[in-house]
C-alpha atoms as a PDB file:
ATOM      1  CA  MET A   1      19.139   9.038   0.964  1.00  0.00           C
ATOM      2  CA  TYR A   2      19.449   5.117   1.944  1.00  0.00           C
ATOM      3  CA  PRO A   3      22.817   5.605   3.272  1.00  0.00           C
ATOM      4  CA  ASP A   4      22.322   8.961   4.972  1.00  0.00           C
ATOM      5  CA  SER A   5      18.764   6.848   6.982  1.00  0.00           C
ATOM      6  CA  VAL A   6      19.796   3.543   8.033  1.00  0.00           C
ATOM      7  CA  GLY A   7      20.611   3.528  11.430  1.00  0.00           C
ATOM      8  CA  ARG A   8      18.771   6.062  12.341  1.00  0.00           C
ATOM      9  CA  ARG A   9      14.793   5.421  14.551  1.00  0.00           C
ATOM     10  CA  ALA A  10      11.915   5.914  12.996  1.00  0.00           C
ATOM     11  CA  GLY A  11       9.463   6.004  15.769  1.00  0.00           C
ATOM     12  CA  LYS A  12      10.420   3.102  17.508  1.00  0.00           C
ATOM     13  CA  MET A  13      12.287   0.762  14.818  1.00  0.00           C
ATOM     14  CA  ARG A  14      15.677   0.702  13.801  1.00  0.00           C
ATOM     15  CA  ILE A  15      16.026   0.317   9.936  1.00  0.00           C
ATOM     16  CA  ARG A  16      19.548  -1.329   9.015  1.00  0.00           C
ATOM     17  CA  TYR A  17      20.895  -3.301   6.138  1.00  0.00           C
ATOM     18  CA  SER A  18      20.428  -7.496   6.221  1.00  0.00           C
ATOM     19  CA  ALA A  19      23.924  -9.644   7.440  1.00  0.00           C
ATOM     20  CA  GLU A  20      24.526 -12.520   6.115  1.00  0.00           C
ATOM     21  CA  ALA A  21      23.640 -13.794   9.722  1.00  0.00           C
ATOM     22  CA  ASP A  22      19.964 -12.900   8.891  1.00  0.00           C
ATOM     23  CA  LEU A  23      20.006 -15.106   6.411  1.00  0.00           C
ATOM     24  CA  TRP A  24      18.313 -17.920   7.892  1.00  0.00           C
ATOM     25  CA  ARG A  25      15.658 -15.503   9.601  1.00  0.00           C
ATOM     26  CA  ILE A  26      14.581 -13.812   6.110  1.00  0.00           C
ATOM     27  CA  MET A  27      14.122 -17.479   4.513  1.00  0.00           C
ATOM     28  CA  GLU A  28      11.868 -18.899   7.369  1.00  0.00           C
ATOM     29  CA  ILE A  29       9.687 -15.249   7.031  1.00  0.00           C
ATOM     30  CA  TYR A  30       9.251 -16.182   3.147  1.00  0.00           C
ATOM     31  CA  SER A  31       8.679 -19.736   4.101  1.00  0.00           C
ATOM     32  CA  PHE A  32       5.904 -18.657   6.392  1.00  0.00           C
ATOM     33  CA  ALA A  33       4.525 -16.150   3.997  1.00  0.00           C
ATOM     34  CA  ARG A  34       4.235 -18.237   1.275  1.00  0.00           C
ATOM     35  CA  LYS A  35       2.203 -20.550   3.041  1.00  0.00           C
ATOM     36  CA  TYR A  36       0.132 -17.943   4.661  1.00  0.00           C
ATOM     37  CA  MET A  37      -0.449 -16.542   0.823  1.00  0.00           C
ATOM     38  CA  ALA A  38      -1.368 -19.947  -0.665  1.00  0.00           C
ATOM     39  CA  GLU A  39      -3.850 -20.134   2.504  1.00  0.00           C
ATOM     40  CA  HIS A  40      -5.208 -17.431   1.591  1.00  0.00           C
ATOM     41  CA  GLY A  41      -6.431 -17.957  -1.980  1.00  0.00           C
ATOM     42  CA  ASN A  42      -2.964 -16.842  -3.550  1.00  0.00           C
ATOM     43  CA  PRO A  43      -0.550 -19.489  -4.145  1.00  0.00           C
ATOM     44  CA  ASN A  44       1.127 -18.073  -7.216  1.00  0.00           C
ATOM     45  CA  GLN A  45       2.588 -14.825  -4.790  1.00  0.00           C
ATOM     46  CA  TRP A  46       5.586 -16.663  -4.643  1.00  0.00           C
ATOM     47  CA  GLY A  47       6.320 -19.813  -6.132  1.00  0.00           C
ATOM     48  CA  PRO A  48       8.180 -22.435  -3.552  1.00  0.00           C
ATOM     49  CA  THR A  49      11.294 -21.383  -4.856  1.00  0.00           C
ATOM     50  CA  ASN A  50      11.474 -17.339  -4.881  1.00  0.00           C
END
């Protein structure tokens, strides 16, 4: 199912596998999410290094 659906459009969103070049952005998103969860009463959702 997954390999066949990669790269196809779902509405206006294109879904693809991540690449090594995407890692900095993925880590930035996780950092934001950890901070957001801690500020909204769920500091244990992801630890400081998860």
